[in-house]
Amino acid sequence: MLRRRRNRSQNPRLLPLALTKMRKAANHAHFSRRTRGTKTFTTTLIVGSKYYRTVEEEGGIKDYIGSQPEINEKMRSILIDLLVDVHRKFELMPETLYVTINLVDRFLSLTMVHRRYRKQVLAMEKSILGQVEWYITVPTPYVCLARHVKASVPCDIEMEKLVFYLAELGLMQYPIVVLNRPSNLATSAVYVARQILKKTPFWTETLKHHIGYLQTKIR
């Protein structure tokens, strides 16, 4: 899937230079392993979290079920469950699932869809991308999860898998997706996972410092 290129005058969503620098710092924190455990990595991790909290509203989901006469929450849950199965079958990149669900929800929040469209998925691709203005590189829960898990020290494979499992369960619940930011969902997944695995304290000073949420604000 190609993303249409725009110049600065055509793209109202183009971020200021300061945010662009923050995004580069965030990407560096995510992909660079050479600086793990160093002061540089800690700084970029914090900057990355602040950047994504700044722009996540742009890819936010509006409440749309009430305006869709032929779609309900149960149908959406079935669709997301199917997408999860397809995602695992073809062993796609983890973020692909989160971006796909974000595109589906944003499209449904902008366009009334009838059941007949289920047989016209390929024909709808251009319409979907047009409705979301080809804006597909949005902060998803996965982006936040990747950073939140790193801040949850100590973190093992069991912890990481449980966090992502809880996040996927959250994606199936329409109210959770609509009423919460991606960072909220990711934060809750980490918090609940630590409780289930009895990692005390459930919310550490490190998590509060890197993620920016107080324990009393987590729901």
Protein backbone atom coordinates (compact mmCIF):
# COMPACT_ATOMS: atom_id res chain seq x y z
CA MET A 1 0.00 0.00 0.00
CA LEU A 2 1.55 3.27 -1.10
CA ARG A 3 1.16 6.56 0.67
CA ARG A 4 0.53 9.60 -1.48
CA ARG A 5 3.26 12.18 -1.13
CA ARG A 6 2.31 15.75 -0.33
CA ASN A 7 4.16 18.99 -0.11
CA ARG A 8 3.90 21.31 2.88
CA SER A 9 1.07 23.41 1.43
CA GLN A 10 -1.05 20.34 0.67
CA ASN A 11 -0.69 18.57 3.98
CA PRO A 12 -2.37 20.35 6.91
CA ARG A 13 -1.16 17.61 9.23
CA LEU A 14 2.53 18.22 8.55
CA LEU A 15 4.22 18.62 11.90
CA PRO A 16 6.35 21.60 12.89
CA LEU A 17 10.10 21.20 12.82
CA ALA A 18 10.26 20.72 16.58
CA LEU A 19 7.88 17.76 16.51
CA THR A 20 9.72 16.30 13.53
CA LYS A 21 12.91 16.31 15.57
CA MET A 22 11.04 14.66 18.43
CA ARG A 23 9.82 11.94 16.08
CA LYS A 24 13.37 11.25 14.90
CA ALA A 25 14.48 11.00 18.51
CA ALA A 26 11.62 8.61 19.25
CA ASN A 27 12.51 6.39 16.31
CA HIS A 28 16.12 6.38 17.43
CA ALA A 29 15.07 5.23 20.88
CA HIS A 30 12.95 2.45 19.41
CA PHE A 31 15.41 1.00 16.91
CA SER A 32 18.84 1.66 18.35
CA ARG A 33 20.17 -1.01 20.66
CA ARG A 34 23.58 0.45 21.12
CA THR A 35 22.39 3.03 23.62
CA ARG A 36 20.22 0.80 25.80
CA GLY A 37 20.77 1.39 29.47
CA THR A 38 22.54 4.68 28.86
CA LYS A 39 21.51 8.22 29.64
CA THR A 40 21.04 8.91 25.92
CA PHE A 41 18.54 6.10 25.54
CA THR A 42 16.62 7.23 28.62
CA THR A 43 16.36 10.76 27.26
CA THR A 44 15.14 9.70 23.82
CA LEU A 45 12.63 7.31 25.38
CA ILE A 46 11.09 10.17 27.35
CA VAL A 47 11.09 12.48 24.32
CA GLY A 48 9.47 9.76 22.22
CA SER A 49 6.68 9.24 24.74
CA LYS A 50 5.98 12.98 24.85
CA TYR A 51 5.91 13.16 21.06
CA TYR A 52 3.38 10.37 20.66
CA ARG A 53 1.13 11.81 23.36
CA THR A 54 1.25 15.09 21.43
CA VAL A 55 0.16 13.68 18.07
CA GLU A 56 -2.05 10.73 19.03
CA GLU A 57 -5.17 12.92 18.94
CA GLU A 58 -4.73 13.24 15.16
CA GLY A 59 -5.40 9.55 14.69
CA GLY A 60 -8.08 9.37 17.37
CA ILE A 61 -11.34 7.47 16.92
CA LYS A 62 -14.70 9.22 17.16
CA ASP A 63 -17.81 7.50 18.50
CA TYR A 64 -19.54 6.19 15.37
CA ILE A 65 -21.66 3.15 16.25
CA GLY A 66 -24.74 5.28 16.80
CA SER A 67 -24.49 6.67 13.26
CA GLN A 68 -24.04 3.27 11.59
CA PRO A 69 -27.51 1.71 11.06
CA GLU A 70 -26.18 -1.70 9.98
CA ILE A 71 -23.15 -2.08 12.26
CA ASN A 72 -23.04 -2.74 16.00
CA GLU A 73 -20.34 -3.37 18.60
CA LYS A 74 -20.68 -7.16 18.34
CA MET A 75 -20.11 -7.08 14.59
CA ARG A 76 -17.03 -4.93 15.09
CA SER A 77 -15.69 -7.35 17.69
CA ILE A 78 -16.11 -10.26 15.26
CA LEU A 79 -14.29 -8.30 12.55
CA ILE A 80 -11.36 -7.48 14.85
CA ASP A 81 -11.14 -11.12 15.93
CA LEU A 82 -10.95 -12.12 12.26
CA LEU A 83 -8.24 -9.55 11.59
CA VAL A 84 -6.20 -10.92 14.49
CA ASP A 85 -6.44 -14.44 13.05
CA VAL A 86 -5.42 -13.29 9.56
CA HIS A 87 -2.58 -11.25 11.03
CA ARG A 88 -1.19 -14.28 12.85
CA LYS A 89 -1.71 -16.66 9.92
CA PHE A 90 0.38 -14.54 7.57
CA GLU A 91 2.90 -13.62 10.30
CA LEU A 92 2.67 -9.91 9.59
CA MET A 93 4.54 -7.21 11.46
CA PRO A 94 3.00 -6.50 14.89
CA GLU A 95 2.18 -2.87 14.11
CA THR A 96 0.27 -3.90 10.95
CA LEU A 97 -2.62 -5.14 13.08
CA TYR A 98 -2.90 -1.93 15.07
CA VAL A 99 -2.68 0.31 11.99
CA THR A 100 -5.33 -1.79 10.20
CA ILE A 101 -7.77 -1.53 13.09
CA ASN A 102 -7.14 2.19 13.36
CA LEU A 103 -7.92 2.63 9.64
CA VAL A 104 -11.13 0.60 9.93
CA ASP A 105 -12.39 2.60 12.90
CA ARG A 106 -11.47 5.96 11.41
CA PHE A 107 -13.18 5.08 8.13
CA LEU A 108 -16.34 3.94 9.90
CA SER A 109 -16.36 7.16 11.91
CA LEU A 110 -16.36 9.17 8.67
CA THR A 111 -18.53 7.11 6.31
CA MET A 112 -21.83 5.28 6.61
CA VAL A 113 -21.28 1.69 5.50
CA HIS A 114 -23.85 -0.84 4.33
CA ARG A 115 -23.43 -4.59 4.48
CA ARG A 116 -23.10 -4.88 0.73
CA TYR A 117 -19.62 -3.39 1.05
CA ARG A 118 -18.38 -6.60 2.59
CA LYS A 119 -18.18 -8.04 -0.94
CA GLN A 120 -16.31 -5.02 -2.25
CA VAL A 121 -13.30 -4.83 0.05
CA LEU A 122 -10.74 -4.30 -2.69
CA ALA A 123 -12.86 -1.65 -4.39
CA MET A 124 -13.15 0.15 -1.07
CA GLU A 125 -9.39 0.55 -0.54
CA LYS A 126 -9.18 3.82 -2.46
CA SER A 127 -12.29 5.14 -0.72
CA ILE A 128 -10.91 4.28 2.73
CA LEU A 129 -7.56 5.94 2.06
CA GLY A 130 -9.33 8.98 0.64
CA GLN A 131 -11.54 9.35 3.71
CA VAL A 132 -8.57 9.24 6.08
CA GLU A 133 -6.62 11.56 3.74
CA TRP A 134 -3.90 8.93 3.29
CA TYR A 135 -2.89 9.58 6.87
CA ILE A 136 -1.91 6.09 8.00
CA THR A 137 1.28 6.63 10.01
CA VAL A 138 -0.60 7.41 13.21
CA PRO A 139 0.50 6.60 16.76
CA THR A 140 -1.11 3.26 17.60
CA PRO A 141 -1.21 1.34 20.89
CA TYR A 142 1.62 -0.81 19.54
CA VAL A 143 3.99 2.16 19.33
CA CYS A 144 3.23 3.01 22.94
CA LEU A 145 3.42 -0.64 24.04
CA ALA A 146 6.91 -1.05 22.61
CA ARG A 147 8.11 1.82 24.78
CA HIS A 148 6.04 1.06 27.86
CA VAL A 149 7.30 -2.53 28.01
CA LYS A 150 10.90 -1.30 27.99
CA ALA A 151 10.14 0.98 30.92
CA SER A 152 8.59 -1.89 32.89
CA VAL A 153 11.75 -3.13 34.56
CA PRO A 154 12.32 -6.00 35.01
CA CYS A 155 10.54 -7.24 31.88
CA ASP A 156 10.71 -10.83 30.63
CA ILE A 157 9.11 -12.69 27.73
CA GLU A 158 6.11 -13.69 29.85
CA MET A 159 5.47 -10.07 30.77
CA GLU A 160 5.85 -8.86 27.19
CA LYS A 161 3.47 -11.48 25.75
CA LEU A 162 0.86 -10.81 28.41
CA VAL A 163 0.98 -7.06 27.78
CA PHE A 164 0.38 -7.50 24.05
CA TYR A 165 -2.34 -10.08 24.67
CA LEU A 166 -4.21 -7.69 26.95
CA ALA A 167 -3.82 -4.91 24.39
CA GLU A 168 -5.33 -7.11 21.66
CA LEU A 169 -8.28 -7.87 23.93
CA GLY A 170 -8.75 -4.14 24.37
CA LEU A 171 -8.79 -3.59 20.60
CA MET A 172 -11.88 -5.80 20.33
CA GLN A 173 -13.85 -3.63 22.75
CA TYR A 174 -15.40 -0.67 20.97
CA PRO A 175 -15.82 1.56 24.07
CA ILE A 176 -12.16 1.09 25.02
CA VAL A 177 -10.93 2.13 21.57
CA VAL A 178 -13.26 5.11 21.26
CA LEU A 179 -12.98 6.52 24.78
CA ASN A 180 -9.24 6.10 25.30
CA ARG A 181 -6.06 7.30 23.65
CA PRO A 182 -3.61 4.68 22.37
CA SER A 183 -1.25 5.57 25.22
CA ASN A 184 -4.06 4.97 27.75
CA LEU A 185 -4.70 1.47 26.39
CA ALA A 186 -0.98 0.65 26.41
CA THR A 187 -0.54 1.98 29.94
CA SER A 188 -3.49 -0.04 31.24
CA ALA A 189 -2.17 -3.21 29.57
CA VAL A 190 1.20 -2.83 31.31
CA TYR A 191 -0.42 -2.03 34.65
CA VAL A 192 -2.81 -5.02 34.55
CA ALA A 193 -0.03 -7.36 33.38
CA ARG A 194 2.13 -6.34 36.33
CA GLN A 195 -0.78 -7.02 38.67
CA ILE A 196 -1.48 -10.46 37.16
CA LEU A 197 2.19 -11.46 37.38
CA LYS A 198 2.44 -9.93 40.87
CA LYS A 199 5.30 -7.61 39.97
CA THR A 200 5.42 -5.19 42.88
CA PRO A 201 5.09 -2.35 43.07
CA PHE A 202 2.45 -2.41 40.34
CA TRP A 203 3.43 1.09 39.18
CA THR A 204 7.03 2.07 39.73
CA GLU A 205 8.72 5.45 39.77
CA THR A 206 10.48 4.43 36.55
CA LEU A 207 7.16 3.83 34.78
CA LYS A 208 5.75 7.09 36.07
CA HIS A 209 8.86 8.94 34.92
CA HIS A 210 9.02 7.46 31.41
CA ILE A 211 5.31 7.14 30.61
CA GLY A 212 4.03 10.23 32.41
CA TYR A 213 0.97 8.70 34.09
CA LEU A 214 0.32 8.56 37.81
CA GLN A 215 -1.07 5.31 39.21
CA THR A 216 -4.23 7.12 40.33
CA LYS A 217 -4.93 8.14 36.72
CA ILE A 218 -4.82 4.61 35.30
CA ARG A 219 -8.18 2.96 34.65
